[in-house]
Amino acid sequence: MYTTTQLDNGILNNYAVEPNTYYAQYPAPYQQRRYLIQGAIAALLVTTLVLISAAIS
């Protein structure tokens, strides 16, 4: 266990280990198409659910 300091009263002063950071890469064209398709399916699903709920009530 990684401990930075120990206080005089015996309490350990622990800190979380920070992960390494990295820059995100711009999505490739095939990933962009997949995101577009997923967004269209999600919009269609939400629209369908709203229309069904409006028809029922």
N, C-alpha and C. Protein backbone atom coordinates (compact mmCIF):
# COMPACT_ATOMS: atom_id res chain seq x y z
N MET A 1 0.85 -1.17 0.00
CA MET A 1 0.00 0.00 0.00
C MET A 1 0.89 1.24 0.00
N TYR A 2 0.57 2.17 -0.88
CA TYR A 2 1.35 3.40 -1.00
C TYR A 2 0.84 4.43 0.00
N THR A 3 1.67 4.84 0.92
CA THR A 3 1.31 5.83 1.94
C THR A 3 2.26 7.00 1.82
N THR A 4 1.72 8.21 1.74
CA THR A 4 2.58 9.37 1.57
C THR A 4 3.18 9.81 2.90
N THR A 5 2.36 9.91 3.92
CA THR A 5 2.87 10.34 5.23
C THR A 5 2.07 9.67 6.33
N GLN A 6 2.64 9.69 7.50
CA GLN A 6 1.91 9.22 8.67
C GLN A 6 1.94 10.35 9.70
N LEU A 7 0.75 10.75 10.15
CA LEU A 7 0.66 11.85 11.09
C LEU A 7 1.14 11.40 12.47
N ASP A 8 1.31 12.37 13.36
CA ASP A 8 1.81 12.08 14.70
C ASP A 8 0.88 11.18 15.50
N ASN A 9 -0.42 11.26 15.25
CA ASN A 9 -1.36 10.44 16.01
C ASN A 9 -1.58 9.07 15.39
N GLY A 10 -0.80 8.69 14.38
CA GLY A 10 -0.87 7.37 13.79
C GLY A 10 -1.79 7.24 12.60
N ILE A 11 -2.44 8.32 12.20
CA ILE A 11 -3.35 8.26 11.06
C ILE A 11 -2.53 8.30 9.77
N LEU A 12 -2.87 7.40 8.86
CA LEU A 12 -2.17 7.37 7.57
C LEU A 12 -2.82 8.37 6.63
N ASN A 13 -2.00 9.06 5.89
CA ASN A 13 -2.48 10.05 4.94
C ASN A 13 -2.36 9.45 3.55
N ASN A 14 -3.40 8.75 3.07
CA ASN A 14 -3.37 8.04 1.79
C ASN A 14 -3.96 8.88 0.68
N TYR A 15 -3.40 8.76 -0.49
CA TYR A 15 -3.90 9.43 -1.69
C TYR A 15 -4.08 8.40 -2.79
N ALA A 16 -5.06 8.60 -3.63
CA ALA A 16 -5.29 7.69 -4.74
C ALA A 16 -4.17 7.82 -5.76
N VAL A 17 -3.85 6.72 -6.41
CA VAL A 17 -2.84 6.74 -7.45
C VAL A 17 -3.50 7.26 -8.73
N GLU A 18 -2.92 8.28 -9.31
CA GLU A 18 -3.51 8.88 -10.50
C GLU A 18 -3.08 8.11 -11.75
N PRO A 19 -4.04 7.81 -12.64
CA PRO A 19 -3.67 7.08 -13.87
C PRO A 19 -2.93 7.99 -14.84
N ASN A 20 -2.22 7.38 -15.77
CA ASN A 20 -1.56 8.15 -16.81
C ASN A 20 -2.60 8.76 -17.74
N THR A 21 -2.36 9.98 -18.18
CA THR A 21 -3.31 10.65 -19.06
C THR A 21 -2.84 10.57 -20.50
N TYR A 22 -3.79 10.65 -21.42
CA TYR A 22 -3.47 10.63 -22.84
C TYR A 22 -4.52 11.43 -23.58
N TYR A 23 -4.17 11.89 -24.76
CA TYR A 23 -5.08 12.66 -25.58
C TYR A 23 -5.94 11.71 -26.40
N ALA A 24 -7.20 12.05 -26.54
CA ALA A 24 -8.10 11.25 -27.37
C ALA A 24 -7.76 11.50 -28.84
N GLN A 25 -7.93 10.45 -29.65
CA GLN A 25 -7.67 10.58 -31.07
C GLN A 25 -8.99 10.80 -31.80
N TYR A 26 -8.94 11.57 -32.87
CA TYR A 26 -10.13 11.85 -33.66
C TYR A 26 -10.62 10.54 -34.27
N PRO A 27 -11.94 10.28 -34.24
CA PRO A 27 -12.43 9.00 -34.75
C PRO A 27 -12.20 8.86 -36.27
N ALA A 28 -11.94 7.63 -36.65
CA ALA A 28 -11.75 7.31 -38.07
C ALA A 28 -13.08 7.44 -38.81
N PRO A 29 -13.04 7.53 -40.14
CA PRO A 29 -14.30 7.68 -40.91
C PRO A 29 -15.30 6.55 -40.65
N TYR A 30 -14.84 5.31 -40.51
CA TYR A 30 -15.79 4.22 -40.26
C TYR A 30 -16.41 4.35 -38.87
N GLN A 31 -15.65 4.89 -37.90
CA GLN A 31 -16.21 5.12 -36.57
C GLN A 31 -17.23 6.25 -36.61
N GLN A 32 -16.97 7.28 -37.40
CA GLN A 32 -17.93 8.38 -37.53
C GLN A 32 -19.24 7.89 -38.12
N ARG A 33 -19.16 7.01 -39.14
CA ARG A 33 -20.38 6.45 -39.72
C ARG A 33 -21.14 5.62 -38.70
N ARG A 34 -20.40 4.85 -37.90
CA ARG A 34 -21.05 4.03 -36.88
C ARG A 34 -21.75 4.91 -35.85
N TYR A 35 -21.11 6.01 -35.45
CA TYR A 35 -21.74 6.95 -34.51
C TYR A 35 -23.00 7.56 -35.11
N LEU A 36 -22.95 7.88 -36.40
CA LEU A 36 -24.11 8.45 -37.08
C LEU A 36 -25.26 7.45 -37.11
N ILE A 37 -24.95 6.20 -37.40
CA ILE A 37 -25.98 5.16 -37.43
C ILE A 37 -26.56 4.94 -36.04
N GLN A 38 -25.71 4.89 -35.04
CA GLN A 38 -26.19 4.71 -33.66
C GLN A 38 -27.08 5.87 -33.24
N GLY A 39 -26.71 7.09 -33.61
CA GLY A 39 -27.52 8.26 -33.27
C GLY A 39 -28.87 8.22 -33.96
N ALA A 40 -28.88 7.79 -35.23
CA ALA A 40 -30.14 7.70 -35.97
C ALA A 40 -31.05 6.64 -35.35
N ILE A 41 -30.49 5.50 -34.97
CA ILE A 41 -31.30 4.45 -34.34
C ILE A 41 -31.84 4.92 -32.99
N ALA A 42 -31.01 5.62 -32.22
CA ALA A 42 -31.46 6.13 -30.92
C ALA A 42 -32.57 7.16 -31.10
N ALA A 43 -32.43 8.05 -32.08
CA ALA A 43 -33.47 9.05 -32.33
C ALA A 43 -34.77 8.37 -32.78
N LEU A 44 -34.66 7.36 -33.62
CA LEU A 44 -35.84 6.62 -34.06
C LEU A 44 -36.52 5.92 -32.89
N LEU A 45 -35.74 5.34 -32.00
CA LEU A 45 -36.29 4.66 -30.83
C LEU A 45 -37.03 5.63 -29.92
N VAL A 46 -36.41 6.77 -29.63
CA VAL A 46 -37.04 7.77 -28.76
C VAL A 46 -38.31 8.31 -29.39
N THR A 47 -38.25 8.61 -30.69
CA THR A 47 -39.44 9.12 -31.38
C THR A 47 -40.57 8.11 -31.35
N THR A 48 -40.22 6.84 -31.58
CA THR A 48 -41.24 5.79 -31.55
C THR A 48 -41.87 5.67 -30.16
N LEU A 49 -41.05 5.71 -29.13
CA LEU A 49 -41.58 5.61 -27.76
C LEU A 49 -42.48 6.80 -27.41
N VAL A 50 -42.11 7.99 -27.84
CA VAL A 50 -42.92 9.17 -27.57
C VAL A 50 -44.25 9.07 -28.31
N LEU A 51 -44.23 8.63 -29.55
CA LEU A 51 -45.46 8.50 -30.32
C LEU A 51 -46.37 7.41 -29.73
N ILE A 52 -45.79 6.31 -29.30
CA ILE A 52 -46.59 5.24 -28.68
C ILE A 52 -47.21 5.73 -27.38
N SER A 53 -46.43 6.43 -26.57
CA SER A 53 -46.96 6.92 -25.30
C SER A 53 -48.06 7.98 -25.54
N ALA A 54 -47.92 8.79 -26.58
CA ALA A 54 -48.96 9.77 -26.90
C ALA A 54 -50.21 9.09 -27.41
N ALA A 55 -50.06 8.00 -28.17
CA ALA A 55 -51.21 7.29 -28.68
C ALA A 55 -51.95 6.56 -27.57
N ILE A 56 -51.24 6.06 -26.59
CA ILE A 56 -51.88 5.32 -25.50
C ILE A 56 -52.64 6.26 -24.57
N SER A 57 -52.10 7.41 -24.31
CA SER A 57 -52.74 8.32 -23.35
C SER A 57 -53.75 9.22 -23.96
